[in-house]
């Protein structure tokens, strides 16, 4: 059995939010998701909101936003650096079966840009 190999660190341009340095990027075949850990550089800017980061990552990675979930964003006090863990699933249904409800809610729900009825 082979062990998933981590890809080399690479830079992802996130526009106004700064840029990300991917440290770990591998595919988990058991869960059918891509797991990404990166350092987000946002010097002299606030920590990006999850929904905006999720939208930009969907654009950069070329996948539907419903397949991407930000597990955490950890920022040190006064630092312009954040450690971010992202899960990119093969399908939105797969994401909903594995991600905890509180993570789905933190990420804006199932349809983050759908207006509330009422």
C-alpha atoms as a PDB file:
ATOM      1  CA  UNK A   1       0.000   0.000   0.000  1.00  0.00           C
ATOM      2  CA  UNK A   2       1.404   3.380  -0.939  1.00  0.00           C
ATOM      3  CA  UNK A   3       1.417   6.395   1.326  1.00  0.00           C
ATOM      4  CA  UNK A   4      -0.048   9.632  -0.117  1.00  0.00           C
ATOM      5  CA  UNK A   5       2.763  11.920  -1.185  1.00  0.00           C
ATOM      6  CA  UNK A   6       2.713  15.598  -0.283  1.00  0.00           C
ATOM      7  CA  UNK A   7       3.252  18.004  -3.158  1.00  0.00           C
ATOM      8  CA  UNK A   8       5.957  20.651  -3.062  1.00  0.00           C
ATOM      9  CA  UNK A   9       5.073  24.003  -1.529  1.00  0.00           C
ATOM     10  CA  UNK A  10       3.537  26.323  -4.080  1.00  0.00           C
ATOM     11  CA  UNK A  11       2.108  29.806  -4.109  1.00  0.00           C
ATOM     12  CA  UNK A  12      -1.580  30.589  -4.703  1.00  0.00           C
ATOM     13  CA  UNK A  13      -2.559  34.168  -5.513  1.00  0.00           C
ATOM     14  CA  UNK A  14      -5.679  35.132  -3.553  1.00  0.00           C
ATOM     15  CA  UNK A  15      -6.046  38.661  -4.892  1.00  0.00           C
ATOM     16  CA  UNK A  16      -6.824  41.348  -2.310  1.00  0.00           C
ATOM     17  CA  UNK A  17      -6.686  38.770   0.494  1.00  0.00           C
ATOM     18  CA  UNK A  18      -2.972  38.176  -0.061  1.00  0.00           C
ATOM     19  CA  UNK A  19      -1.428  34.889  -1.077  1.00  0.00           C
ATOM     20  CA  UNK A  20      -1.201  31.357   0.202  1.00  0.00           C
ATOM     21  CA  UNK A  21       1.821  29.100   0.504  1.00  0.00           C
ATOM     22  CA  UNK A  22       0.604  25.503   0.184  1.00  0.00           C
ATOM     23  CA  UNK A  23       2.492  23.272   2.603  1.00  0.00           C
ATOM     24  CA  UNK A  24       0.488  20.055   2.332  1.00  0.00           C
ATOM     25  CA  UNK A  25      -1.708  19.039  -0.595  1.00  0.00           C
ATOM     26  CA  UNK A  26      -2.751  15.425  -0.918  1.00  0.00           C
ATOM     27  CA  UNK A  27      -5.718  13.335  -1.982  1.00  0.00           C
ATOM     28  CA  UNK A  28      -7.354  11.116   0.640  1.00  0.00           C
ATOM     29  CA  UNK A  29      -8.840   8.217  -1.390  1.00  0.00           C
ATOM     30  CA  UNK A  30     -10.752   6.764   1.562  1.00  0.00           C
ATOM     31  CA  UNK A  31     -12.800   9.923   2.127  1.00  0.00           C
ATOM     32  CA  UNK A  32     -12.518  11.058  -1.520  1.00  0.00           C
ATOM     33  CA  UNK A  33     -11.281  14.537  -0.741  1.00  0.00           C
ATOM     34  CA  UNK A  34      -8.244  16.715  -1.295  1.00  0.00           C
ATOM     35  CA  UNK A  35      -6.730  18.019   1.938  1.00  0.00           C
ATOM     36  CA  UNK A  36      -4.793  21.277   1.784  1.00  0.00           C
ATOM     37  CA  UNK A  37      -2.857  22.997   4.560  1.00  0.00           C
ATOM     38  CA  UNK A  38      -1.437  26.405   3.717  1.00  0.00           C
ATOM     39  CA  UNK A  39       0.027  29.508   5.261  1.00  0.00           C
ATOM     40  CA  UNK A  40      -2.018  32.536   4.261  1.00  0.00           C
ATOM     41  CA  UNK A  41       0.016  35.758   4.008  1.00  0.00           C
ATOM     42  CA  UNK A  42      -2.186  38.801   4.652  1.00  0.00           C
ATOM     43  CA  UNK A  43       0.250  41.362   6.041  1.00  0.00           C
ATOM     44  CA  UNK A  44      -1.374  44.652   7.146  1.00  0.00           C
ATOM     45  CA  UNK A  45      -4.815  43.194   6.400  1.00  0.00           C
ATOM     46  CA  UNK A  46      -7.397  41.497   8.615  1.00  0.00           C
ATOM     47  CA  UNK A  47      -7.807  37.729   8.639  1.00  0.00           C
ATOM     48  CA  UNK A  48     -10.001  36.909   5.610  1.00  0.00           C
ATOM     49  CA  UNK A  49     -13.585  35.810   6.185  1.00  0.00           C
ATOM     50  CA  UNK A  50     -14.211  32.112   5.540  1.00  0.00           C
ATOM     51  CA  UNK A  51     -16.851  32.713   2.883  1.00  0.00           C
ATOM     52  CA  UNK A  52     -14.583  35.053   0.896  1.00  0.00           C
ATOM     53  CA  UNK A  53     -11.627  32.677   1.176  1.00  0.00           C
ATOM     54  CA  UNK A  54     -13.847  29.765   0.181  1.00  0.00           C
ATOM     55  CA  UNK A  55     -15.115  31.673  -2.867  1.00  0.00           C
ATOM     56  CA  UNK A  56     -11.601  32.637  -3.981  1.00  0.00           C
ATOM     57  CA  UNK A  57     -10.272  29.088  -3.506  1.00  0.00           C
ATOM     58  CA  UNK A  58     -13.175  27.712  -5.582  1.00  0.00           C
ATOM     59  CA  UNK A  59     -12.215  30.128  -8.348  1.00  0.00           C
ATOM     60  CA  UNK A  60      -8.474  29.349  -8.151  1.00  0.00           C
ATOM     61  CA  UNK A  61      -8.929  25.561  -7.893  1.00  0.00           C
ATOM     62  CA  UNK A  62     -11.671  25.484 -10.530  1.00  0.00           C
ATOM     63  CA  UNK A  63     -14.262  23.643  -8.421  1.00  0.00           C
ATOM     64  CA  UNK A  64     -17.787  24.338  -7.172  1.00  0.00           C
ATOM     65  CA  UNK A  65     -17.866  26.267  -3.887  1.00  0.00           C
ATOM     66  CA  UNK A  66     -20.201  23.598  -2.441  1.00  0.00           C
ATOM     67  CA  UNK A  67     -17.285  21.140  -2.527  1.00  0.00           C
ATOM     68  CA  UNK A  68     -14.910  23.319  -0.450  1.00  0.00           C
ATOM     69  CA  UNK A  69     -14.931  23.635   3.340  1.00  0.00           C
ATOM     70  CA  UNK A  70     -12.496  25.633   5.480  1.00  0.00           C
ATOM     71  CA  UNK A  71     -11.812  23.545   8.597  1.00  0.00           C
ATOM     72  CA  UNK A  72      -9.894  26.239  10.449  1.00  0.00           C
ATOM     73  CA  UNK A  73      -8.087  29.544  10.136  1.00  0.00           C
ATOM     74  CA  UNK A  74      -5.552  30.107  12.930  1.00  0.00           C
ATOM     75  CA  UNK A  75      -3.935  33.531  13.224  1.00  0.00           C
ATOM     76  CA  UNK A  76      -1.399  34.588  15.842  1.00  0.00           C
ATOM     77  CA  UNK A  77      -1.966  37.912  17.596  1.00  0.00           C
ATOM     78  CA  UNK A  78      -0.649  40.765  15.465  1.00  0.00           C
ATOM     79  CA  UNK A  79       0.648  38.409  12.808  1.00  0.00           C
ATOM     80  CA  UNK A  80      -0.162  38.773   9.145  1.00  0.00           C
ATOM     81  CA  UNK A  81       0.034  35.000   8.776  1.00  0.00           C
ATOM     82  CA  UNK A  82      -2.707  32.414   9.217  1.00  0.00           C
ATOM     83  CA  UNK A  83      -2.597  28.641   9.043  1.00  0.00           C
ATOM     84  CA  UNK A  84      -5.548  27.345   7.026  1.00  0.00           C
ATOM     85  CA  UNK A  85      -6.845  23.788   6.548  1.00  0.00           C
ATOM     86  CA  UNK A  86      -9.131  23.194   3.563  1.00  0.00           C
ATOM     87  CA  UNK A  87     -11.062  20.104   2.469  1.00  0.00           C
ATOM     88  CA  UNK A  88     -12.046  19.830  -1.218  1.00  0.00           C
ATOM     89  CA  UNK A  89     -14.469  16.949  -1.806  1.00  0.00           C
ATOM     90  CA  UNK A  90     -15.220  15.052  -5.025  1.00  0.00           C
ATOM     91  CA  UNK A  91     -18.911  15.985  -4.689  1.00  0.00           C
ATOM     92  CA  UNK A  92     -21.083  18.257  -2.518  1.00  0.00           C
ATOM     93  CA  UNK A  93     -22.990  15.199  -1.244  1.00  0.00           C
ATOM     94  CA  UNK A  94     -19.756  13.610  -0.047  1.00  0.00           C
ATOM     95  CA  UNK A  95     -18.872  16.832   1.801  1.00  0.00           C
ATOM     96  CA  UNK A  96     -22.222  16.890   3.595  1.00  0.00           C
ATOM     97  CA  UNK A  97     -21.802  13.289   4.720  1.00  0.00           C
ATOM     98  CA  UNK A  98     -18.354  13.901   6.271  1.00  0.00           C
ATOM     99  CA  UNK A  99     -18.209  17.507   7.478  1.00  0.00           C
ATOM    100  CA  UNK A 100     -19.749  18.203  10.913  1.00  0.00           C
ATOM    101  CA  UNK A 101     -22.819  20.439  10.958  1.00  0.00           C
ATOM    102  CA  UNK A 102     -20.999  23.241  12.801  1.00  0.00           C
ATOM    103  CA  UNK A 103     -18.296  23.372  10.088  1.00  0.00           C
ATOM    104  CA  UNK A 104     -20.962  23.572   7.367  1.00  0.00           C
ATOM    105  CA  UNK A 105     -22.650  26.432   9.254  1.00  0.00           C
ATOM    106  CA  UNK A 106     -19.333  28.269   9.814  1.00  0.00           C
ATOM    107  CA  UNK A 107     -18.706  28.095   6.087  1.00  0.00           C
ATOM    108  CA  UNK A 108     -21.996  29.793   5.242  1.00  0.00           C
ATOM    109  CA  UNK A 109     -24.205  26.713   4.992  1.00  0.00           C
ATOM    110  CA  UNK A 110     -24.904  24.452   2.036  1.00  0.00           C
ATOM    111  CA  UNK A 111     -25.726  27.323  -0.367  1.00  0.00           C
ATOM    112  CA  UNK A 112     -23.606  30.218   0.915  1.00  0.00           C
ATOM    113  CA  UNK A 113     -24.774  32.814  -1.621  1.00  0.00           C
ATOM    114  CA  UNK A 114     -28.442  31.878  -1.755  1.00  0.00           C
ATOM    115  CA  UNK A 115     -30.662  34.595  -0.285  1.00  0.00           C
ATOM    116  CA  UNK A 116     -32.872  33.668   2.637  1.00  0.00           C
ATOM    117  CA  UNK A 117     -36.542  33.445   1.756  1.00  0.00           C
ATOM    118  CA  UNK A 118     -39.093  35.350   3.698  1.00  0.00           C
END
